[in-house]
């Protein structure tokens, strides 16, 4: 079959090229090429130079005769022109005609753990953000923090921890601003920690509550229904876990900032 006929068949019947073609690879021919993508490079009337290859970690594909050609960040048509230039500059062909087809998009994976509705491992794509990952995992639970952490391996293999503020309104409204638009990399782990406090003693609704951003003591007491007639808003203690994993007692003021794990006790009035 002639190369031109083969190309036409590939365009009309993309599934024949690969059983695992992604919709993006079929519907977006101008999509920029990313690391790990699988490409088919066809050189007209030169079947020996036609090949399927992957974009390496350096952003290049390695081809017969010309060796490495940088293609990351280019469209398939731009990549084809670069390969044509390499063949011509190397004096391998006088007037090469090259077609580059994106066969399969590289699908990296990220893991979402902690206080999300559906923890697990998820496929990513180009431009995939923290918000995208949390939305795929069903959003943050009622007990989840509004600060998530991205754990990312560095060059030495050690995990780098990146704090990311989460605004649930961004997820609901599909907004695209703020720190939560950090673009993820394959192998990243997103952790949404539990962020609750417990309140006991003379409040109307003792129990465990989620900490809202910037929450202070008087707001925490209000969330628990306020102080009972027997209680005293001025006789409140906070038990807080210290760095050595032991609890210490704090004499609280109404503007004391609440931290995850705090245990608040509202005492009875003295008279």
Protein backbone atom coordinates (compact mmCIF):
# COMPACT_ATOMS: atom_id res chain seq x y z
CA UNK A 1 0.00 0.00 0.00
CA UNK A 2 1.38 3.43 -0.91
CA UNK A 3 2.30 5.76 1.91
CA UNK A 4 -0.35 8.32 0.87
CA UNK A 5 -3.06 5.65 0.84
CA UNK A 6 -1.94 4.44 4.27
CA UNK A 7 -2.15 7.96 5.66
CA UNK A 8 -5.65 8.38 4.24
CA UNK A 9 -6.74 5.09 5.82
CA UNK A 10 -5.29 6.16 9.16
CA UNK A 11 -7.23 9.41 9.07
CA UNK A 12 -10.50 7.70 8.14
CA UNK A 13 -10.08 4.76 10.53
CA UNK A 14 -8.04 5.98 13.52
CA UNK A 15 -8.98 2.97 15.66
CA UNK A 16 -6.98 0.76 13.33
CA UNK A 17 -3.87 2.63 14.36
CA UNK A 18 -4.17 1.79 18.05
CA UNK A 19 -6.71 0.01 20.23
CA UNK A 20 -6.09 2.55 22.99
CA UNK A 21 -6.39 5.87 21.19
CA UNK A 22 -7.55 8.62 23.50
CA UNK A 23 -10.39 10.93 22.34
CA UNK A 24 -7.98 13.84 22.63
CA UNK A 25 -5.56 12.23 20.20
CA UNK A 26 -8.30 11.79 17.60
CA UNK A 27 -10.24 15.04 17.99
CA UNK A 28 -7.40 17.52 18.58
CA UNK A 29 -4.79 17.24 15.80
CA UNK A 30 -3.33 20.62 16.84
CA UNK A 31 -2.72 19.51 20.43
CA UNK A 32 0.83 20.17 21.52
CA UNK A 33 3.07 17.13 21.83
CA UNK A 34 3.96 16.13 25.40
CA UNK A 35 6.54 13.87 27.01
CA UNK A 36 5.61 10.20 26.68
CA UNK A 37 3.27 10.67 23.70
CA UNK A 38 3.33 7.96 21.05
CA UNK A 39 3.83 9.30 17.52
CA UNK A 40 3.75 7.71 14.08
CA UNK A 41 6.23 9.34 11.72
CA UNK A 42 5.69 8.60 8.02
CA UNK A 43 8.09 9.63 5.28
CA UNK A 44 6.45 9.60 1.85
CA UNK A 45 7.88 6.96 -0.49
CA UNK A 46 10.38 5.84 2.16
CA UNK A 47 8.88 2.98 4.15
CA UNK A 48 12.23 2.24 5.79
CA UNK A 49 12.09 5.64 7.51
CA UNK A 50 8.47 5.27 8.65
CA UNK A 51 8.27 4.40 12.35
CA UNK A 52 6.29 4.57 15.57
CA UNK A 53 8.14 6.13 18.47
CA UNK A 54 7.72 7.79 21.87
CA UNK A 55 8.69 11.26 23.00
CA UNK A 56 11.54 10.81 25.47
CA UNK A 57 12.27 12.62 28.72
CA UNK A 58 14.41 15.14 26.81
CA UNK A 59 11.45 16.07 24.57
CA UNK A 60 12.89 14.35 21.50
CA UNK A 61 12.02 11.43 19.28
CA UNK A 62 14.77 9.23 17.87
CA UNK A 63 14.44 8.43 14.19
CA UNK A 64 16.36 6.46 11.56
CA UNK A 65 19.27 8.39 9.98
CA UNK A 66 18.70 11.73 11.72
CA UNK A 67 18.74 10.56 15.35
CA UNK A 68 17.12 12.82 17.97
CA UNK A 69 14.70 15.55 16.89
CA UNK A 70 13.11 17.83 19.49
CA UNK A 71 9.30 17.84 19.21
CA UNK A 72 7.93 18.61 22.70
CA UNK A 73 5.59 21.60 22.68
CA UNK A 74 5.07 21.53 18.93
CA UNK A 75 1.96 20.48 17.03
CA UNK A 76 2.16 17.34 14.85
CA UNK A 77 2.50 19.50 11.71
CA UNK A 78 5.29 21.55 13.30
CA UNK A 79 7.05 18.34 14.33
CA UNK A 80 6.77 17.06 10.76
CA UNK A 81 8.50 20.23 9.45
CA UNK A 82 11.32 19.81 11.99
CA UNK A 83 11.87 16.22 10.85
CA UNK A 84 11.82 17.30 7.20
CA UNK A 85 14.49 19.91 7.97
CA UNK A 86 16.63 17.30 9.74
CA UNK A 87 16.41 14.93 6.77
CA UNK A 88 17.20 17.71 4.31
CA UNK A 89 20.00 19.32 6.36
CA UNK A 90 21.63 15.91 6.84
CA UNK A 91 21.46 15.42 3.04
CA UNK A 92 19.53 12.18 3.44
CA UNK A 93 16.63 13.29 1.20
CA UNK A 94 16.33 16.18 -1.25
CA UNK A 95 12.65 17.03 -0.73
CA UNK A 96 11.28 14.95 2.16
CA UNK A 97 7.55 14.90 2.88
CA UNK A 98 6.75 13.87 6.45
CA UNK A 99 3.48 13.29 8.28
CA UNK A 100 3.34 13.04 12.08
CA UNK A 101 0.27 11.50 13.75
CA UNK A 102 -0.40 11.50 17.47
CA UNK A 103 -1.24 7.85 18.10
CA UNK A 104 -1.68 7.87 21.86
CA UNK A 105 -1.51 10.60 24.47
CA UNK A 106 0.62 9.80 27.46
CA UNK A 107 -1.62 9.34 30.46
CA UNK A 108 0.20 10.02 33.68
CA UNK A 109 -1.38 9.17 37.00
CA UNK A 110 -1.84 11.04 40.27
CA UNK A 111 -3.12 9.78 43.61
CA UNK A 112 -5.67 11.62 45.73
CA UNK A 113 -5.85 10.63 49.41
CA UNK A 114 -7.32 11.88 52.66
CA UNK A 115 -10.60 13.70 53.15
CA UNK A 116 -12.09 13.38 49.68
CA UNK A 117 -15.23 11.51 48.69
CA UNK A 118 -13.46 8.89 46.54
CA UNK A 119 -9.73 8.50 47.24
CA UNK A 120 -7.80 6.72 44.51
CA UNK A 121 -5.56 6.87 41.47
CA UNK A 122 -6.61 9.02 38.53
CA UNK A 123 -5.46 9.60 34.95
CA UNK A 124 -4.22 13.08 34.12
CA UNK A 125 -3.79 15.05 30.94
CA UNK A 126 -2.02 18.24 29.88
CA UNK A 127 -2.80 21.14 32.21
CA UNK A 128 -4.36 18.86 34.85
CA UNK A 129 -4.55 20.80 38.13
CA UNK A 130 -5.06 20.17 41.85
CA UNK A 131 -8.67 21.34 41.47
CA UNK A 132 -9.20 18.87 38.62
CA UNK A 133 -7.87 16.00 40.74
CA UNK A 134 -9.99 16.87 43.78
CA UNK A 135 -13.08 17.31 41.60
CA UNK A 136 -12.50 13.85 40.06
CA UNK A 137 -12.20 12.44 43.58
CA UNK A 138 -15.64 13.79 44.42
CA UNK A 139 -14.59 16.92 46.27
CA UNK A 140 -13.51 17.54 49.85
CA UNK A 141 -15.55 15.95 52.64
CA UNK A 142 -17.17 17.95 55.42
CA UNK A 143 -14.18 17.17 57.64
CA UNK A 144 -11.55 18.02 55.02
CA UNK A 145 -9.10 20.88 55.29
CA UNK A 146 -9.10 23.85 52.93
CA UNK A 147 -5.35 23.34 52.55
CA UNK A 148 -4.15 20.32 50.59
CA UNK A 149 -0.61 19.07 50.10
CA UNK A 150 1.02 17.92 46.90
CA UNK A 151 3.79 15.37 47.45
CA UNK A 152 6.17 15.37 44.49
CA UNK A 153 9.39 13.35 44.09
CA UNK A 154 12.40 15.54 43.35
CA UNK A 155 15.48 14.58 41.33
CA UNK A 156 16.96 12.66 44.28
CA UNK A 157 13.74 10.73 44.90
CA UNK A 158 12.86 12.63 48.07
CA UNK A 159 9.31 13.89 48.44
CA UNK A 160 8.79 17.63 48.14
CA UNK A 161 5.70 18.95 49.98
CA UNK A 162 3.78 21.81 48.37
CA UNK A 163 0.91 23.44 50.28
CA UNK A 164 -2.09 24.41 48.14
CA UNK A 165 -5.12 26.37 49.32
CA UNK A 166 -8.45 24.90 48.20
CA UNK A 167 -11.50 27.01 47.58
CA UNK A 168 -14.57 24.80 47.17
CA UNK A 169 -16.27 27.63 45.26
CA UNK A 170 -13.62 27.20 42.57
CA UNK A 171 -14.53 23.54 42.18
CA UNK A 172 -18.27 24.19 42.09
CA UNK A 173 -17.94 27.17 39.77
CA UNK A 174 -15.19 25.68 37.58
CA UNK A 175 -13.05 28.75 38.24
CA UNK A 176 -9.43 28.66 37.13
CA UNK A 177 -7.58 30.98 39.42
CA UNK A 178 -5.62 30.67 42.64
CA UNK A 179 -3.00 28.31 44.00
CA UNK A 180 -5.19 25.25 43.39
CA UNK A 181 -4.51 25.61 39.65
CA UNK A 182 -1.03 24.20 40.22
CA UNK A 183 -0.43 21.86 37.27
CA UNK A 184 0.24 18.30 38.38
CA UNK A 185 2.93 15.94 37.18
CA UNK A 186 2.75 12.17 36.81
CA UNK A 187 3.48 10.50 40.13
CA UNK A 188 2.20 13.40 42.26
CA UNK A 189 0.12 12.60 45.34
CA UNK A 190 -2.51 15.03 46.62
CA UNK A 191 -3.38 14.74 50.30
CA UNK A 192 -6.38 16.52 51.83
CA UNK A 193 -5.88 16.25 55.60
CA UNK A 194 -8.62 16.12 58.18
CA UNK A 195 -9.24 19.57 59.65
CA UNK A 196 -11.67 19.36 62.54
CA UNK A 197 -11.87 20.39 66.16
CA UNK A 198 -13.86 18.88 69.03
CA UNK A 199 -15.86 20.97 71.45
CA UNK A 200 -17.18 19.68 74.77
CA UNK A 201 -18.66 21.01 77.99
CA UNK A 202 -21.29 23.70 78.31
CA UNK A 203 -22.27 24.24 74.67
CA UNK A 204 -25.62 23.41 73.12
CA UNK A 205 -24.27 21.09 70.39
CA UNK A 206 -21.03 19.43 71.53
CA UNK A 207 -19.23 17.37 68.90
CA UNK A 208 -16.70 17.45 66.06
CA UNK A 209 -16.72 20.30 63.53
CA UNK A 210 -14.82 21.30 60.42
CA UNK A 211 -12.45 24.25 60.77
CA UNK A 212 -13.24 27.04 58.35
CA UNK A 213 -10.35 29.16 57.11
CA UNK A 214 -9.32 31.70 59.75
CA UNK A 215 -11.73 30.32 62.36
CA UNK A 216 -11.21 31.67 65.90
CA UNK A 217 -12.59 30.55 69.25
CA UNK A 218 -15.80 32.58 69.37
CA UNK A 219 -16.71 31.28 65.88
CA UNK A 220 -16.04 27.70 67.00
CA UNK A 221 -18.36 28.14 69.99
CA UNK A 222 -21.02 29.64 67.72
CA UNK A 223 -20.75 26.62 65.40
CA UNK A 224 -21.58 24.43 68.42
CA UNK A 225 -24.76 26.36 69.12
CA UNK A 226 -23.32 28.79 71.65
CA UNK A 227 -22.81 28.55 75.40
CA UNK A 228 -25.54 27.03 77.58
CA UNK A 229 -27.06 29.04 80.48
CA UNK A 230 -24.74 27.14 82.83
CA UNK A 231 -21.61 27.82 80.79
CA UNK A 232 -19.13 30.67 80.71
CA UNK A 233 -17.60 32.03 77.52
CA UNK A 234 -14.70 33.37 79.60
CA UNK A 235 -13.85 29.96 81.12
CA UNK A 236 -12.65 28.07 78.09
CA UNK A 237 -9.60 25.84 77.68
CA UNK A 238 -8.06 24.43 74.53
CA UNK A 239 -6.10 21.18 74.53
CA UNK A 240 -3.69 21.19 71.59
CA UNK A 241 -1.32 18.49 70.38
CA UNK A 242 2.29 19.71 70.33
CA UNK A 243 5.17 18.66 68.09
CA UNK A 244 6.11 15.86 70.53
CA UNK A 245 2.58 14.41 70.07
CA UNK A 246 1.50 15.36 73.60
CA UNK A 247 -1.43 17.56 74.51
CA UNK A 248 -0.91 20.89 76.23
CA UNK A 249 -3.56 23.17 77.68
CA UNK A 250 -3.97 26.72 76.47
CA UNK A 251 -5.91 29.45 78.19
CA UNK A 252 -7.99 30.65 75.29
CA UNK A 253 -9.16 34.09 74.23
CA UNK A 254 -12.09 34.72 71.93
CA UNK A 255 -9.68 35.52 69.05
CA UNK A 256 -7.49 32.40 69.53
CA UNK A 257 -7.00 30.76 66.13
CA UNK A 258 -8.35 27.19 66.00
CA UNK A 259 -6.02 24.48 64.71
CA UNK A 260 -6.76 20.92 63.47
CA UNK A 261 -7.15 18.48 66.35
CA UNK A 262 -7.93 21.10 69.01
CA UNK A 263 -10.19 20.00 71.85
CA UNK A 264 -12.18 22.92 73.28
CA UNK A 265 -13.81 22.65 76.70
CA UNK A 266 -16.33 25.27 77.81
CA UNK A 267 -16.56 25.20 81.60
CA UNK A 268 -19.43 25.98 83.94
CA UNK A 269 -19.97 29.43 85.43
CA UNK A 270 -18.45 29.94 88.86
CA UNK A 271 -21.64 31.42 90.29
